[in-house]
C-alpha atoms as a PDB file:
ATOM      1  CA  MET A   1      -0.002  -0.026   0.011  1.00  0.00           C
ATOM      2  CA  SER A   2       1.396   3.412  -1.023  1.00  0.00           C
ATOM      3  CA  ARG A   3       1.649   6.442   1.282  1.00  0.00           C
ATOM      4  CA  VAL A   4      -1.227   8.121  -0.472  1.00  0.00           C
ATOM      5  CA  GLU A   5      -3.453   5.049   0.017  1.00  0.00           C
ATOM      6  CA  ARG A   6      -2.501   4.875   3.750  1.00  0.00           C
ATOM      7  CA  TRP A   7      -3.356   8.595   4.173  1.00  0.00           C
ATOM      8  CA  GLU A   8      -6.683   8.245   2.256  1.00  0.00           C
ATOM      9  CA  ARG A   9      -7.646   5.371   4.484  1.00  0.00           C
ATOM     10  CA  ARG A  10      -6.924   7.344   7.675  1.00  0.00           C
ATOM     11  CA  ALA A  11      -8.608  10.549   6.370  1.00  0.00           C
ATOM     12  CA  GLU A  12     -11.638   8.988   4.861  1.00  0.00           C
ATOM     13  CA  TRP A  13     -13.952   9.053   7.886  1.00  0.00           C
ATOM     14  CA  PRO A  14     -12.952  12.545   9.000  1.00  0.00           C
ATOM     15  CA  LEU A  15     -13.501  13.857   5.474  1.00  0.00           C
ATOM     16  CA  VAL A  16     -16.934  12.246   5.316  1.00  0.00           C
ATOM     17  CA  ALA A  17     -17.781  13.991   8.633  1.00  0.00           C
ATOM     18  CA  VAL A  18     -16.617  17.276   7.176  1.00  0.00           C
ATOM     19  CA  SER A  19     -18.781  16.736   4.082  1.00  0.00           C
ATOM     20  CA  LEU A  20     -21.774  16.146   6.244  1.00  0.00           C
ATOM     21  CA  VAL A  21     -21.132  19.158   8.334  1.00  0.00           C
ATOM     22  CA  PHE A  22     -20.606  21.297   5.246  1.00  0.00           C
ATOM     23  CA  LEU A  23     -23.845  20.095   3.688  1.00  0.00           C
ATOM     24  CA  GLY A  24     -25.747  20.896   6.833  1.00  0.00           C
ATOM     25  CA  ALA A  25     -24.131  24.355   6.995  1.00  0.00           C
ATOM     26  CA  PHE A  26     -24.956  24.997   3.308  1.00  0.00           C
ATOM     27  CA  ALA A  27     -28.568  23.770   3.613  1.00  0.00           C
ATOM     28  CA  TRP A  28     -29.628  25.427   6.915  1.00  0.00           C
ATOM     29  CA  PRO A  29     -29.654  29.055   5.735  1.00  0.00           C
ATOM     30  CA  ILE A  30     -31.389  28.019   2.523  1.00  0.00           C
ATOM     31  CA  LEU A  31     -34.107  25.978   4.222  1.00  0.00           C
ATOM     32  CA  ASP A  32     -34.671  28.389   7.045  1.00  0.00           C
ATOM     33  CA  GLY A  33     -35.198  31.842   5.629  1.00  0.00           C
ATOM     34  CA  SER A  34     -35.723  33.278   9.139  1.00  0.00           C
ATOM     35  CA  LEU A  35     -32.236  32.243  10.386  1.00  0.00           C
ATOM     36  CA  ASP A  36     -30.615  35.121  12.224  1.00  0.00           C
ATOM     37  CA  GLY A  37     -27.413  36.769  11.364  1.00  0.00           C
ATOM     38  CA  PHE A  38     -25.209  35.065  13.942  1.00  0.00           C
ATOM     39  CA  TRP A  39     -26.065  31.476  12.797  1.00  0.00           C
ATOM     40  CA  ARG A  40     -25.773  32.606   9.160  1.00  0.00           C
ATOM     41  CA  GLU A  41     -22.129  33.689   9.951  1.00  0.00           C
ATOM     42  CA  VAL A  42     -21.477  30.368  11.696  1.00  0.00           C
ATOM     43  CA  CYS A  43     -22.660  28.531   8.563  1.00  0.00           C
ATOM     44  CA  ARG A  44     -20.513  30.800   6.316  1.00  0.00           C
ATOM     45  CA  TYR A  45     -17.373  30.134   8.396  1.00  0.00           C
ATOM     46  CA  THR A  46     -18.136  26.445   8.514  1.00  0.00           C
ATOM     47  CA  ASP A  47     -18.208  26.536   4.725  1.00  0.00           C
ATOM     48  CA  TYR A  48     -14.792  28.217   4.719  1.00  0.00           C
ATOM     49  CA  GLY A  49     -13.471  25.702   7.208  1.00  0.00           C
ATOM     50  CA  ALA A  50     -14.542  22.801   5.092  1.00  0.00           C
ATOM     51  CA  TRP A  51     -12.858  24.346   2.086  1.00  0.00           C
ATOM     52  CA  VAL A  52      -9.578  24.644   3.960  1.00  0.00           C
ATOM     53  CA  LEU A  53      -9.677  21.108   5.190  1.00  0.00           C
ATOM     54  CA  PHE A  54     -10.341  19.723   1.768  1.00  0.00           C
ATOM     55  CA  GLY A  55      -7.532  21.874   0.437  1.00  0.00           C
ATOM     56  CA  LEU A  56      -5.150  20.545   3.056  1.00  0.00           C
ATOM     57  CA  ASP A  57      -6.170  16.960   2.278  1.00  0.00           C
ATOM     58  CA  TYR A  58      -5.515  17.491  -1.441  1.00  0.00           C
ATOM     59  CA  LEU A  59      -2.098  19.141  -0.778  1.00  0.00           C
ATOM     60  CA  ILE A  60      -1.092  16.338   1.620  1.00  0.00           C
ATOM     61  CA  ARG A  61      -2.085  13.674  -0.936  1.00  0.00           C
ATOM     62  CA  LEU A  62      -0.167  15.541  -3.643  1.00  0.00           C
ATOM     63  CA  GLY A  63       2.883  15.791  -1.418  1.00  0.00           C
ATOM     64  CA  LEU A  64       2.748  12.066  -0.603  1.00  0.00           C
ATOM     65  CA  ALA A  65       2.431  10.967  -4.275  1.00  0.00           C
ATOM     66  CA  GLU A  66       5.546   9.629  -5.925  1.00  0.00           C
ATOM     67  CA  ARG A  67       4.601  11.130  -9.323  1.00  0.00           C
ATOM     68  CA  ARG A  68       2.859  14.394  -8.403  1.00  0.00           C
ATOM     69  CA  LEU A  69       2.093  15.617 -11.926  1.00  0.00           C
ATOM     70  CA  ASN A  70       0.569  12.254 -12.834  1.00  0.00           C
ATOM     71  CA  TYR A  71      -1.389  12.215  -9.552  1.00  0.00           C
ATOM     72  CA  ALA A  72      -2.676  15.755 -10.158  1.00  0.00           C
ATOM     73  CA  GLY A  73      -3.879  14.823 -13.631  1.00  0.00           C
ATOM     74  CA  ARG A  74      -5.645  11.661 -12.406  1.00  0.00           C
ATOM     75  CA  HIS A  75      -7.371  13.613  -9.543  1.00  0.00           C
ATOM     76  CA  PHE A  76      -8.286  16.724 -11.504  1.00  0.00           C
ATOM     77  CA  LEU A  77     -11.850  16.655 -10.062  1.00  0.00           C
ATOM     78  CA  ASP A  78     -10.363  16.994  -6.568  1.00  0.00           C
ATOM     79  CA  LEU A  79      -8.695  20.190  -7.650  1.00  0.00           C
ATOM     80  CA  LEU A  80     -11.883  21.464  -9.172  1.00  0.00           C
ATOM     81  CA  ILE A  81     -13.725  20.859  -5.858  1.00  0.00           C
ATOM     82  CA  ILE A  82     -11.196  23.137  -4.157  1.00  0.00           C
ATOM     83  CA  ALA A  83     -10.815  25.741  -6.940  1.00  0.00           C
ATOM     84  CA  LEU A  84     -14.535  26.417  -7.463  1.00  0.00           C
ATOM     85  CA  PRO A  85     -15.761  27.737  -4.122  1.00  0.00           C
ATOM     86  CA  VAL A  86     -16.304  31.204  -5.493  1.00  0.00           C
ATOM     87  CA  PHE A  87     -19.370  29.869  -7.417  1.00  0.00           C
ATOM     88  CA  ARG A  88     -21.818  29.046  -4.620  1.00  0.00           C
ATOM     89  CA  PRO A  89     -23.854  26.282  -6.225  1.00  0.00           C
ATOM     90  CA  LEU A  90     -20.724  24.361  -7.219  1.00  0.00           C
ATOM     91  CA  ARG A  91     -19.530  24.257  -3.589  1.00  0.00           C
ATOM     92  CA  LEU A  92     -21.841  21.236  -3.301  1.00  0.00           C
ATOM     93  CA  LEU A  93     -19.314  19.271  -5.299  1.00  0.00           C
ATOM     94  CA  ARG A  94     -17.515  18.764  -2.008  1.00  0.00           C
ATOM     95  CA  VAL A  95     -20.129  16.203  -1.031  1.00  0.00           C
ATOM     96  CA  ILE A  96     -18.644  13.928  -3.680  1.00  0.00           C
ATOM     97  CA  MET A  97     -16.540  12.582  -0.838  1.00  0.00           C
ATOM     98  CA  LEU A  98     -19.727  10.917   0.483  1.00  0.00           C
ATOM     99  CA  LEU A  99     -20.212   9.113  -2.838  1.00  0.00           C
ATOM    100  CA  ARG A 100     -16.649   7.864  -2.814  1.00  0.00           C
ATOM    101  CA  PHE A 101     -17.143   6.586   0.684  1.00  0.00           C
ATOM    102  CA  LEU A 102     -20.223   4.683  -0.279  1.00  0.00           C
ATOM    103  CA  ASN A 103     -18.544   3.203  -3.237  1.00  0.00           C
ATOM    104  CA  ARG A 104     -15.542   2.021  -1.238  1.00  0.00           C
ATOM    105  CA  ARG A 105     -17.272   0.747   1.918  1.00  0.00           C
ATOM    106  CA  PHE A 106     -20.713  -0.571   1.135  1.00  0.00           C
ATOM    107  CA  ALA A 107     -21.288  -4.088  -0.243  1.00  0.00           C
ATOM    108  CA  SER A 108     -18.766  -6.187  -2.188  1.00  0.00           C
ATOM    109  CA  SER A 109     -21.314  -7.725  -4.637  1.00  0.00           C
ATOM    110  CA  LEU A 110     -22.381  -6.003  -7.806  1.00  0.00           C
ATOM    111  CA  ARG A 111     -26.054  -6.034  -6.826  1.00  0.00           C
ATOM    112  CA  GLY A 112     -25.245  -4.552  -3.392  1.00  0.00           C
ATOM    113  CA  ARG A 113     -23.087  -1.867  -4.976  1.00  0.00           C
ATOM    114  CA  LEU A 114     -25.769  -1.109  -7.593  1.00  0.00           C
ATOM    115  CA  ALA A 115     -28.591  -0.796  -5.005  1.00  0.00           C
ATOM    116  CA  ILE A 116     -26.716   1.152  -2.372  1.00  0.00           C
ATOM    117  CA  TYR A 117     -24.530   3.321  -4.559  1.00  0.00           C
ATOM    118  CA  ALA A 118     -27.227   4.301  -7.136  1.00  0.00           C
ATOM    119  CA  GLY A 119     -29.808   4.891  -4.507  1.00  0.00           C
ATOM    120  CA  ALA A 120     -27.586   6.975  -2.317  1.00  0.00           C
ATOM    121  CA  THR A 121     -26.169   8.915  -5.217  1.00  0.00           C
ATOM    122  CA  ALA A 122     -29.618   9.687  -6.612  1.00  0.00           C
ATOM    123  CA  ALA A 123     -30.849  10.912  -3.254  1.00  0.00           C
ATOM    124  CA  LEU A 124     -27.782  13.027  -2.535  1.00  0.00           C
ATOM    125  CA  VAL A 125     -27.666  14.559  -5.990  1.00  0.00           C
ATOM    126  CA  LEU A 126     -31.409  15.285  -5.839  1.00  0.00           C
ATOM    127  CA  PHE A 127     -31.144  16.999  -2.515  1.00  0.00           C
ATOM    128  CA  CYS A 128     -28.085  18.967  -3.372  1.00  0.00           C
ATOM    129  CA  ALA A 129     -29.466  20.067  -6.753  1.00  0.00           C
ATOM    130  CA  ALA A 130     -32.718  21.192  -5.133  1.00  0.00           C
ATOM    131  CA  LEU A 131     -30.814  23.281  -2.602  1.00  0.00           C
ATOM    132  CA  ALA A 132     -28.510  24.837  -5.211  1.00  0.00           C
ATOM    133  CA  GLU A 133     -31.422  25.592  -7.497  1.00  0.00           C
ATOM    134  CA  LEU A 134     -33.488  27.163  -4.671  1.00  0.00           C
ATOM    135  CA  ASP A 135     -30.538  29.208  -3.588  1.00  0.00           C
ATOM    136  CA  ALA A 136     -29.957  30.512  -7.135  1.00  0.00           C
ATOM    137  CA  GLU A 137     -33.648  31.181  -8.088  1.00  0.00           C
ATOM    138  CA  ARG A 138     -35.744  32.298  -5.209  1.00  0.00           C
ATOM    139  CA  HIS A 139     -34.454  35.933  -5.119  1.00  0.00           C
ATOM    140  CA  SER A 140     -35.150  36.520  -8.825  1.00  0.00           C
ATOM    141  CA  ALA A 141     -38.159  38.642  -9.656  1.00  0.00           C
ATOM    142  CA  HIS A 142     -39.307  36.118 -12.343  1.00  0.00           C
ATOM    143  CA  ALA A 143     -38.590  33.024 -10.361  1.00  0.00           C
ATOM    144  CA  ASN A 144     -41.084  30.147 -10.339  1.00  0.00           C
ATOM    145  CA  ILE A 145     -38.966  27.954  -7.951  1.00  0.00           C
ATOM    146  CA  THR A 146     -39.419  29.707  -4.610  1.00  0.00           C
ATOM    147  CA  SER A 147     -39.773  26.840  -2.147  1.00  0.00           C
ATOM    148  CA  PHE A 148     -37.949  23.776  -1.253  1.00  0.00           C
ATOM    149  CA  GLY A 149     -40.862  21.532  -2.361  1.00  0.00           C
ATOM    150  CA  GLN A 150     -40.893  23.105  -5.779  1.00  0.00           C
ATOM    151  CA  ALA A 151     -37.111  22.777  -6.011  1.00  0.00           C
ATOM    152  CA  ILE A 152     -37.326  18.977  -5.126  1.00  0.00           C
ATOM    153  CA  TRP A 153     -40.069  18.465  -7.655  1.00  0.00           C
ATOM    154  CA  TRP A 154     -38.087  20.301 -10.329  1.00  0.00           C
ATOM    155  CA  ALA A 155     -34.924  18.338  -9.500  1.00  0.00           C
ATOM    156  CA  ALA A 156     -36.785  15.010  -9.605  1.00  0.00           C
ATOM    157  CA  THR A 157     -38.355  15.673 -12.989  1.00  0.00           C
ATOM    158  CA  THR A 158     -35.122  17.039 -14.425  1.00  0.00           C
ATOM    159  CA  MET A 159     -32.905  14.238 -13.085  1.00  0.00           C
ATOM    160  CA  SER A 160     -35.314  11.563 -14.401  1.00  0.00           C
ATOM    161  CA  THR A 161     -35.247  13.311 -17.809  1.00  0.00           C
ATOM    162  CA  VAL A 162     -39.114  13.750 -17.655  1.00  0.00           C
ATOM    163  CA  GLY A 163     -39.095  17.559 -17.441  1.00  0.00           C
ATOM    164  CA  TYR A 164     -42.749  18.565 -17.077  1.00  0.00           C
ATOM    165  CA  GLY A 165     -41.840  22.233 -17.466  1.00  0.00           C
ATOM    166  CA  ASP A 166     -44.157  23.601 -14.810  1.00  0.00           C
ATOM    167  CA  HIS A 167     -41.010  24.744 -12.883  1.00  0.00           C
ATOM    168  CA  TYR A 168     -37.810  25.888 -14.660  1.00  0.00           C
ATOM    169  CA  PRO A 169     -34.786  28.083 -13.882  1.00  0.00           C
ATOM    170  CA  VAL A 170     -34.739  31.631 -15.032  1.00  0.00           C
ATOM    171  CA  THR A 171     -31.261  32.686 -13.726  1.00  0.00           C
ATOM    172  CA  ALA A 172     -27.867  31.935 -15.185  1.00  0.00           C
ATOM    173  CA  GLU A 173     -26.772  30.142 -11.999  1.00  0.00           C
ATOM    174  CA  GLY A 174     -29.981  28.092 -11.928  1.00  0.00           C
ATOM    175  CA  ARG A 175     -29.504  27.009 -15.532  1.00  0.00           C
ATOM    176  CA  ILE A 176     -25.982  25.939 -14.882  1.00  0.00           C
ATOM    177  CA  VAL A 177     -27.253  23.822 -11.960  1.00  0.00           C
ATOM    178  CA  ALA A 178     -29.965  22.414 -14.288  1.00  0.00           C
ATOM    179  CA  VAL A 179     -27.356  21.469 -16.923  1.00  0.00           C
ATOM    180  CA  ALA A 180     -25.180  19.763 -14.249  1.00  0.00           C
ATOM    181  CA  LEU A 181     -28.222  17.869 -12.957  1.00  0.00           C
ATOM    182  CA  MET A 182     -29.197  16.753 -16.489  1.00  0.00           C
ATOM    183  CA  LEU A 183     -25.708  15.357 -16.974  1.00  0.00           C
ATOM    184  CA  ALA A 184     -25.726  13.677 -13.593  1.00  0.00           C
ATOM    185  CA  GLY A 185     -29.098  12.068 -14.294  1.00  0.00           C
ATOM    186  CA  VAL A 186     -27.994  10.725 -17.676  1.00  0.00           C
ATOM    187  CA  ALA A 187     -24.741   9.481 -16.192  1.00  0.00           C
ATOM    188  CA  LEU A 188     -26.528   7.778 -13.295  1.00  0.00           C
ATOM    189  CA  LEU A 189     -29.008   6.189 -15.564  1.00  0.00           C
ATOM    190  CA  GLY A 190     -26.269   4.929 -17.821  1.00  0.00           C
ATOM    191  CA  THR A 191     -24.288   3.585 -14.907  1.00  0.00           C
ATOM    192  CA  VAL A 192     -27.323   1.717 -13.528  1.00  0.00           C
ATOM    193  CA  THR A 193     -28.134   0.260 -16.997  1.00  0.00           C
ATOM    194  CA  ALA A 194     -24.581  -0.802 -17.575  1.00  0.00           C
ATOM    195  CA  ALA A 195     -24.316  -2.461 -14.137  1.00  0.00           C
ATOM    196  CA  ILE A 196     -27.627  -4.352 -14.655  1.00  0.00           C
ATOM    197  CA  ALA A 197     -26.446  -5.535 -18.085  1.00  0.00           C
ATOM    198  CA  SER A 198     -23.105  -6.574 -16.656  1.00  0.00           C
ATOM    199  CA  TRP A 199     -24.807  -8.470 -13.809  1.00  0.00           C
ATOM    200  CA  LEU A 200     -27.098 -10.229 -16.288  1.00  0.00           C
ATOM    201  CA  ILE A 201     -24.117 -11.318 -18.464  1.00  0.00           C
ATOM    202  CA  GLU A 202     -22.346 -12.569 -15.333  1.00  0.00           C
ATOM    203  CA  GLN A 203     -25.324 -14.506 -14.275  1.00  0.00           C
ATOM    204  CA  VAL A 204     -25.686 -16.084 -17.796  1.00  0.00           C
ATOM    205  CA  ARG A 205     -21.944 -16.935 -17.831  1.00  0.00           C
ATOM    206  CA  GLU A 206     -22.203 -18.542 -14.374  1.00  0.00           C
ATOM    207  CA  ALA A 207     -25.232 -20.564 -15.411  1.00  0.00           C
ATOM    208  CA  GLU A 208     -23.428 -21.711 -18.592  1.00  0.00           C
ATOM    209  CA  THR A 209     -20.314 -22.593 -16.472  1.00  0.00           C
ATOM    210  CA  HIS A 210     -22.390 -24.620 -14.066  1.00  0.00           C
ATOM    211  CA  THR A 211     -24.229 -26.385 -16.892  1.00  0.00           C
ATOM    212  CA  MET A 212     -20.899 -27.264 -18.688  1.00  0.00           C
ATOM    213  CA  ALA A 213     -19.506 -28.476 -15.389  1.00  0.00           C
ATOM    214  CA  ALA A 214     -22.535 -30.674 -14.773  1.00  0.00           C
ATOM    215  CA  THR A 215     -22.408 -31.969 -18.360  1.00  0.00           C
ATOM    216  CA  ARG A 216     -18.757 -32.870 -18.007  1.00  0.00           C
ATOM    217  CA  ALA A 217     -19.515 -34.707 -14.779  1.00  0.00           C
ATOM    218  CA  ASP A 218     -22.297 -36.637 -16.452  1.00  0.00           C
ATOM    219  CA  ILE A 219     -20.003 -37.596 -19.331  1.00  0.00           C
ATOM    220  CA  HIS A 220     -17.284 -38.682 -16.901  1.00  0.00           C
ATOM    221  CA  ARG A 221     -19.715 -40.912 -14.994  1.00  0.00           C
ATOM    222  CA  LEU A 222     -21.002 -42.377 -18.255  1.00  0.00           C
ATOM    223  CA  GLN A 223     -17.408 -43.123 -19.365  1.00  0.00           C
ATOM    224  CA  GLN A 224     -16.702 -44.792 -16.042  1.00  0.00           C
ATOM    225  CA  GLU A 225     -19.894 -46.866 -16.378  1.00  0.00           C
ATOM    226  CA  ILE A 226     -18.942 -47.978 -19.931  1.00  0.00           C
ATOM    227  CA  VAL A 227     -15.452 -48.981 -18.646  1.00  0.00           C
ATOM    228  CA  ARG A 228     -17.021 -50.928 -15.808  1.00  0.00           C
ATOM    229  CA  LEU A 229     -19.364 -52.693 -18.167  1.00  0.00           C
ATOM    230  CA  ARG A 230     -16.540 -53.604 -20.613  1.00  0.00           C
ATOM    231  CA  ILE A 231     -14.511 -55.078 -17.743  1.00  0.00           C
ATOM    232  CA  GLU A 232     -17.518 -57.118 -16.568  1.00  0.00           C
ATOM    233  CA  LEU A 233     -18.182 -58.257 -20.102  1.00  0.00           C
ATOM    234  CA  VAL A 234     -14.527 -59.390 -20.528  1.00  0.00           C
ATOM    235  CA  GLN A 235     -14.614 -61.198 -17.265  1.00  0.00           C
ATOM    236  CA  ALA A 236     -17.852 -62.946 -18.248  1.00  0.00           C
ATOM    237  CA  ARG A 237     -16.298 -64.095 -21.560  1.00  0.00           C
ATOM    238  CA  HIS A 238     -13.245 -65.475 -19.720  1.00  0.00           C
ATOM    239  CA  GLU A 239     -15.394 -67.400 -17.251  1.00  0.00           C
ATOM    240  CA  ARG A 240     -17.460 -68.752 -20.062  1.00  0.00           C
ATOM    241  CA  ASP A 241     -14.469 -69.790 -22.191  1.00  0.00           C
ATOM    242  CA  GLY A 242     -12.617 -71.190 -19.180  1.00  0.00           C
END
């Protein structure tokens, strides 16, 4: 195990906790419009603190990597998570750490990974997209997404590619969130479809393997029986001729 892998294993749980705290700090002011100034400042500084911790984690991993340029290229998304905090909706990219945790820790079987990872990813993306859309839209004079319920409904119809059109973004930030959600929905649907197809192929191959093994066993038993009958036939002839 490399130094980077050892660090990632040690830092995984703390970073998941930081992701959850950040998500709570991001969501609270959006969901509670009456939140007073003190707690809004607490949430804002919690956001900054999460950003610093993720930045430190990235720098430590980069420093531990043997080939730093190669590592930076393979983990470009991690750099984006740190470099894009100036655009508020994209700060939710930090919760990708939760998805990585689910993918690593839950279930070793393909069916388990599919059920848990796809379900958790869909729920988390849906929730985060609704938060980001509501935050971007509700202060616009022409907004038609002004409550969290409307934002959740919009996110569900957009992510599932249904798109009823009763709620839609009118701001530039809201449309960027919509594009990101569309891409996430298509990617998630493709991942689930590919995983199901892969699982079905695996099941067919296993069934074919078991069938072939059973057929070989039957052939082997028949061959043994034929040999036994031949031996008995030869013995019977010798006894008769003798």
